[in-house]
Amino acid sequence: MSDQPERKQINFTIVPDEQPGEPRIYANFCSIAHTPFDFTLTFCEVLPLSDEAVRDAESKHVVKAPVRARVVVPVQFLPNLVAALQEHMRVFSDTYSNVGWNKEPVH
């Protein structure tokens, strides 16, 4: 007999526990980096550029955008995230295909 305790499997659903008044964070750009252990998703808000910012971007080839959220997830999490995004995108496309939404990047 094994000294290991018997493992019991429990099935459950995780749902967000949103607090009243908790603000949504808007981002229209995501930078992605990774290590051998995790992925970092850095969400930024890119605003329309002023004439001065355009001139600066032309010379430096860089536009700074404020970071709105940085999320680090383990590598094992990514396949489920990618599958969920693809499924939601499929449903979105099927639902709104007649609206003519623009598939081009917003930045």
N, C-alpha and C. Protein backbone atom coordinates (compact mmCIF):
# COMPACT_ATOMS: atom_id res chain seq x y z
N MET A 1 0.83 -1.18 0.00
CA MET A 1 0.00 0.00 0.00
C MET A 1 0.88 1.25 0.00
N SER A 2 0.39 2.26 -0.60
CA SER A 2 1.12 3.51 -0.70
C SER A 2 0.83 4.39 0.51
N ASP A 3 1.85 5.17 0.91
CA ASP A 3 1.67 6.12 2.01
C ASP A 3 1.05 7.43 1.52
N GLN A 4 0.87 7.55 0.21
CA GLN A 4 0.30 8.76 -0.35
C GLN A 4 -1.21 8.80 -0.10
N PRO A 5 -1.73 9.96 0.33
CA PRO A 5 -3.18 10.05 0.50
C PRO A 5 -3.87 10.00 -0.86
N GLU A 6 -5.07 9.45 -0.86
CA GLU A 6 -5.83 9.35 -2.10
C GLU A 6 -6.26 10.75 -2.55
N ARG A 7 -6.06 11.04 -3.83
CA ARG A 7 -6.44 12.34 -4.38
C ARG A 7 -7.87 12.29 -4.87
N LYS A 8 -8.60 13.30 -4.52
CA LYS A 8 -9.99 13.40 -4.95
C LYS A 8 -10.08 14.54 -5.96
N GLN A 9 -10.74 14.29 -7.10
CA GLN A 9 -10.89 15.31 -8.12
C GLN A 9 -12.18 16.09 -7.87
N ILE A 10 -12.05 17.40 -7.94
CA ILE A 10 -13.20 18.28 -7.76
C ILE A 10 -13.32 19.14 -9.01
N ASN A 11 -14.47 19.17 -9.61
CA ASN A 11 -14.71 20.02 -10.77
C ASN A 11 -15.38 21.31 -10.31
N PHE A 12 -14.91 22.45 -10.82
CA PHE A 12 -15.50 23.72 -10.45
C PHE A 12 -15.29 24.73 -11.57
N THR A 13 -16.01 25.81 -11.52
CA THR A 13 -15.89 26.90 -12.48
C THR A 13 -15.40 28.14 -11.74
N ILE A 14 -14.42 28.80 -12.32
CA ILE A 14 -13.89 30.03 -11.74
C ILE A 14 -14.59 31.20 -12.44
N VAL A 15 -15.11 32.12 -11.66
CA VAL A 15 -15.77 33.31 -12.22
C VAL A 15 -15.13 34.56 -11.59
N PRO A 16 -15.05 35.64 -12.36
CA PRO A 16 -14.48 36.87 -11.79
C PRO A 16 -15.35 37.39 -10.64
N ASP A 17 -14.71 37.83 -9.58
CA ASP A 17 -15.40 38.41 -8.43
C ASP A 17 -15.24 39.92 -8.53
N GLU A 18 -16.06 40.53 -9.39
CA GLU A 18 -15.93 41.96 -9.64
C GLU A 18 -16.51 42.76 -8.48
N GLN A 19 -15.77 43.78 -8.09
CA GLN A 19 -16.21 44.65 -7.01
C GLN A 19 -16.98 45.83 -7.58
N PRO A 20 -18.05 46.29 -6.91
CA PRO A 20 -18.80 47.44 -7.41
C PRO A 20 -17.89 48.67 -7.55
N GLY A 21 -18.06 49.37 -8.66
CA GLY A 21 -17.28 50.58 -8.87
C GLY A 21 -15.87 50.34 -9.37
N GLU A 22 -15.48 49.09 -9.55
CA GLU A 22 -14.13 48.79 -10.03
C GLU A 22 -14.03 49.23 -11.50
N PRO A 23 -13.08 50.11 -11.83
CA PRO A 23 -13.04 50.64 -13.19
C PRO A 23 -12.51 49.64 -14.21
N ARG A 24 -13.00 49.76 -15.43
CA ARG A 24 -12.43 49.00 -16.54
C ARG A 24 -11.20 49.75 -17.02
N ILE A 25 -10.24 49.03 -17.54
CA ILE A 25 -9.02 49.65 -18.05
C ILE A 25 -9.01 49.45 -19.56
N TYR A 26 -8.89 50.55 -20.30
CA TYR A 26 -8.88 50.51 -21.76
C TYR A 26 -7.45 50.44 -22.26
N ALA A 27 -7.20 49.56 -23.23
CA ALA A 27 -5.90 49.47 -23.89
C ALA A 27 -6.14 49.15 -25.35
N ASN A 28 -5.35 49.75 -26.23
CA ASN A 28 -5.47 49.45 -27.65
C ASN A 28 -4.13 49.01 -28.26
N PHE A 29 -3.21 48.59 -27.39
CA PHE A 29 -1.93 48.06 -27.83
C PHE A 29 -1.45 47.06 -26.78
N CYS A 30 -0.85 45.97 -27.23
CA CYS A 30 -0.31 44.97 -26.31
C CYS A 30 1.08 44.56 -26.79
N SER A 31 2.04 44.71 -25.91
CA SER A 31 3.40 44.27 -26.17
C SER A 31 3.57 42.93 -25.44
N ILE A 32 4.23 41.98 -26.10
CA ILE A 32 4.37 40.64 -25.52
C ILE A 32 5.85 40.29 -25.42
N ALA A 33 6.23 39.79 -24.25
CA ALA A 33 7.60 39.30 -24.04
C ALA A 33 7.49 37.96 -23.32
N HIS A 34 8.58 37.18 -23.37
CA HIS A 34 8.54 35.90 -22.67
C HIS A 34 9.90 35.51 -22.13
N THR A 35 9.85 34.64 -21.15
CA THR A 35 11.03 33.98 -20.60
C THR A 35 10.78 32.49 -20.80
N PRO A 36 11.69 31.62 -20.40
CA PRO A 36 11.41 30.19 -20.50
C PRO A 36 10.24 29.75 -19.61
N PHE A 37 9.80 30.62 -18.68
CA PHE A 37 8.81 30.22 -17.70
C PHE A 37 7.46 30.91 -17.83
N ASP A 38 7.46 32.14 -18.39
CA ASP A 38 6.20 32.89 -18.42
C ASP A 38 6.15 33.87 -19.59
N PHE A 39 4.96 34.39 -19.83
CA PHE A 39 4.73 35.42 -20.83
C PHE A 39 4.27 36.68 -20.11
N THR A 40 4.75 37.83 -20.57
CA THR A 40 4.33 39.11 -20.01
C THR A 40 3.57 39.86 -21.08
N LEU A 41 2.33 40.20 -20.79
CA LEU A 41 1.48 40.99 -21.68
C LEU A 41 1.40 42.39 -21.09
N THR A 42 1.93 43.37 -21.81
CA THR A 42 1.92 44.75 -21.35
C THR A 42 0.91 45.51 -22.20
N PHE A 43 -0.17 45.95 -21.56
CA PHE A 43 -1.25 46.64 -22.26
C PHE A 43 -1.03 48.15 -22.12
N CYS A 44 -1.09 48.85 -23.25
CA CYS A 44 -0.88 50.30 -23.29
C CYS A 44 -2.05 50.97 -23.99
N GLU A 45 -2.16 52.27 -23.76
CA GLU A 45 -3.15 53.08 -24.46
C GLU A 45 -2.40 54.04 -25.36
N VAL A 46 -2.57 53.86 -26.67
CA VAL A 46 -1.93 54.73 -27.65
C VAL A 46 -2.95 55.79 -28.04
N LEU A 47 -2.61 57.03 -27.73
CA LEU A 47 -3.50 58.16 -28.02
C LEU A 47 -3.08 58.81 -29.33
N PRO A 48 -3.99 59.57 -29.97
CA PRO A 48 -3.58 60.30 -31.18
C PRO A 48 -2.40 61.21 -30.87
N LEU A 49 -1.47 61.30 -31.81
CA LEU A 49 -0.25 62.07 -31.59
C LEU A 49 -0.43 63.53 -32.00
N SER A 50 0.17 64.40 -31.22
CA SER A 50 0.20 65.83 -31.57
C SER A 50 1.21 65.99 -32.71
N ASP A 51 1.19 67.15 -33.35
CA ASP A 51 2.16 67.43 -34.41
C ASP A 51 3.58 67.31 -33.90
N GLU A 52 3.80 67.81 -32.69
CA GLU A 52 5.14 67.73 -32.09
C GLU A 52 5.54 66.28 -31.85
N ALA A 53 4.61 65.46 -31.36
CA ALA A 53 4.91 64.04 -31.10
C ALA A 53 5.18 63.30 -32.40
N VAL A 54 4.48 63.67 -33.48
CA VAL A 54 4.73 63.05 -34.79
C VAL A 54 6.15 63.37 -35.26
N ARG A 55 6.54 64.64 -35.14
CA ARG A 55 7.91 65.04 -35.54
C ARG A 55 8.95 64.29 -34.71
N ASP A 56 8.69 64.17 -33.41
CA ASP A 56 9.61 63.46 -32.52
C ASP A 56 9.70 61.98 -32.91
N ALA A 57 8.54 61.38 -33.23
CA ALA A 57 8.51 59.97 -33.63
C ALA A 57 9.23 59.76 -34.95
N GLU A 58 9.12 60.73 -35.86
CA GLU A 58 9.83 60.62 -37.14
C GLU A 58 11.34 60.61 -36.95
N SER A 59 11.82 61.37 -36.00
CA SER A 59 13.27 61.43 -35.80
C SER A 59 13.79 60.29 -34.93
N LYS A 60 13.03 59.92 -33.89
CA LYS A 60 13.50 58.88 -32.95
C LYS A 60 12.97 57.49 -33.26
N HIS A 61 11.92 57.42 -34.08
CA HIS A 61 11.27 56.15 -34.43
C HIS A 61 10.73 55.42 -33.20
N VAL A 62 10.29 56.20 -32.22
CA VAL A 62 9.73 55.65 -30.98
C VAL A 62 8.54 56.51 -30.57
N VAL A 63 7.48 55.85 -30.15
CA VAL A 63 6.34 56.54 -29.55
C VAL A 63 6.09 55.88 -28.20
N LYS A 64 6.14 56.65 -27.15
CA LYS A 64 5.89 56.10 -25.82
C LYS A 64 4.39 56.12 -25.55
N ALA A 65 3.91 55.02 -24.97
CA ALA A 65 2.49 54.90 -24.64
C ALA A 65 2.37 54.52 -23.18
N PRO A 66 1.43 55.12 -22.45
CA PRO A 66 1.28 54.79 -21.04
C PRO A 66 0.84 53.34 -20.83
N VAL A 67 1.52 52.67 -19.90
CA VAL A 67 1.16 51.30 -19.55
C VAL A 67 -0.10 51.34 -18.69
N ARG A 68 -1.10 50.58 -19.07
CA ARG A 68 -2.36 50.51 -18.33
C ARG A 68 -2.43 49.27 -17.45
N ALA A 69 -1.76 48.18 -17.89
CA ALA A 69 -1.74 46.96 -17.09
C ALA A 69 -0.61 46.07 -17.61
N ARG A 70 -0.01 45.32 -16.70
CA ARG A 70 1.01 44.35 -17.07
C ARG A 70 0.60 43.03 -16.41
N VAL A 71 0.44 42.02 -17.24
CA VAL A 71 -0.02 40.72 -16.76
C VAL A 71 1.02 39.66 -17.10
N VAL A 72 1.45 38.92 -16.10
CA VAL A 72 2.42 37.84 -16.29
C VAL A 72 1.69 36.52 -16.08
N VAL A 73 1.78 35.63 -17.08
CA VAL A 73 1.10 34.34 -16.99
C VAL A 73 2.09 33.21 -17.27
N PRO A 74 1.90 32.05 -16.63
CA PRO A 74 2.80 30.93 -16.89
C PRO A 74 2.62 30.40 -18.31
N VAL A 75 3.67 29.83 -18.85
CA VAL A 75 3.64 29.30 -20.21
C VAL A 75 2.49 28.31 -20.38
N GLN A 76 2.22 27.50 -19.36
CA GLN A 76 1.16 26.48 -19.45
C GLN A 76 -0.22 27.11 -19.65
N PHE A 77 -0.38 28.37 -19.31
CA PHE A 77 -1.65 29.08 -19.42
C PHE A 77 -1.95 29.49 -20.86
N LEU A 78 -0.90 29.68 -21.67
CA LEU A 78 -1.04 30.26 -23.00
C LEU A 78 -1.90 29.45 -23.97
N PRO A 79 -1.76 28.14 -24.08
CA PRO A 79 -2.61 27.42 -25.05
C PRO A 79 -4.11 27.64 -24.80
N ASN A 80 -4.54 27.64 -23.54
CA ASN A 80 -5.96 27.87 -23.25
C ASN A 80 -6.36 29.31 -23.56
N LEU A 81 -5.46 30.27 -23.29
CA LEU A 81 -5.75 31.66 -23.60
C LEU A 81 -5.90 31.86 -25.11
N VAL A 82 -4.98 31.31 -25.87
CA VAL A 82 -5.04 31.43 -27.33
C VAL A 82 -6.31 30.78 -27.87
N ALA A 83 -6.65 29.59 -27.37
CA ALA A 83 -7.87 28.90 -27.83
C ALA A 83 -9.11 29.71 -27.48
N ALA A 84 -9.16 30.28 -26.29
CA ALA A 84 -10.33 31.08 -25.88
C ALA A 84 -10.45 32.33 -26.74
N LEU A 85 -9.33 33.00 -27.02
CA LEU A 85 -9.36 34.19 -27.87
C LEU A 85 -9.82 33.83 -29.29
N GLN A 86 -9.32 32.72 -29.82
CA GLN A 86 -9.73 32.31 -31.16
C GLN A 86 -11.23 32.00 -31.20
N GLU A 87 -11.75 31.33 -30.18
CA GLU A 87 -13.17 31.00 -30.15
C GLU A 87 -14.01 32.27 -30.03
N HIS A 88 -13.61 33.18 -29.17
CA HIS A 88 -14.36 34.43 -29.03
C HIS A 88 -14.29 35.26 -30.31
N MET A 89 -13.15 35.25 -30.99
CA MET A 89 -13.02 35.98 -32.25
C MET A 89 -13.91 35.35 -33.32
N ARG A 90 -14.01 34.02 -33.33
CA ARG A 90 -14.88 33.34 -34.29
C ARG A 90 -16.34 33.73 -34.06
N VAL A 91 -16.77 33.68 -32.80
CA VAL A 91 -18.15 34.05 -32.46
C VAL A 91 -18.40 35.52 -32.79
N PHE A 92 -17.46 36.40 -32.45
CA PHE A 92 -17.58 37.82 -32.76
C PHE A 92 -17.72 38.02 -34.26
N SER A 93 -16.86 37.37 -35.06
CA SER A 93 -16.91 37.52 -36.51
C SER A 93 -18.23 37.02 -37.09
N ASP A 94 -18.70 35.89 -36.58
CA ASP A 94 -19.99 35.36 -37.04
C ASP A 94 -21.12 36.31 -36.69
N THR A 95 -21.07 36.90 -35.51
CA THR A 95 -22.14 37.76 -35.03
C THR A 95 -22.15 39.11 -35.73
N TYR A 96 -20.97 39.67 -35.96
CA TYR A 96 -20.89 41.04 -36.48
C TYR A 96 -20.38 41.12 -37.90
N SER A 97 -20.41 40.03 -38.65
CA SER A 97 -19.88 40.05 -40.02
C SER A 97 -20.64 41.02 -40.92
N ASN A 98 -21.92 41.25 -40.63
CA ASN A 98 -22.72 42.15 -41.47
C ASN A 98 -22.53 43.62 -41.08
N VAL A 99 -21.86 43.90 -39.98
CA VAL A 99 -21.66 45.28 -39.53
C VAL A 99 -20.50 45.92 -40.29
N GLY A 100 -19.59 45.11 -40.78
CA GLY A 100 -18.46 45.63 -41.53
C GLY A 100 -17.38 46.22 -40.64
N TRP A 101 -17.13 45.60 -39.48
CA TRP A 101 -16.09 46.10 -38.58
C TRP A 101 -14.74 45.99 -39.27
N ASN A 102 -13.85 46.89 -38.94
CA ASN A 102 -12.54 46.99 -39.57
C ASN A 102 -11.59 46.00 -38.93
N LYS A 103 -11.02 45.10 -39.72
CA LYS A 103 -10.11 44.08 -39.20
C LYS A 103 -8.67 44.59 -39.12
N GLU A 104 -8.44 45.82 -39.56
CA GLU A 104 -7.09 46.38 -39.52
C GLU A 104 -6.72 46.76 -38.08
N PRO A 105 -5.42 46.76 -37.77
CA PRO A 105 -5.00 47.20 -36.42
C PRO A 105 -5.44 48.63 -36.17
N VAL A 106 -5.69 48.95 -34.91
CA VAL A 106 -6.14 50.28 -34.56
C VAL A 106 -4.99 51.25 -34.36
N HIS A 107 -3.76 50.77 -34.40
CA HIS A 107 -2.62 51.67 -34.21
C HIS A 107 -1.86 51.83 -35.49
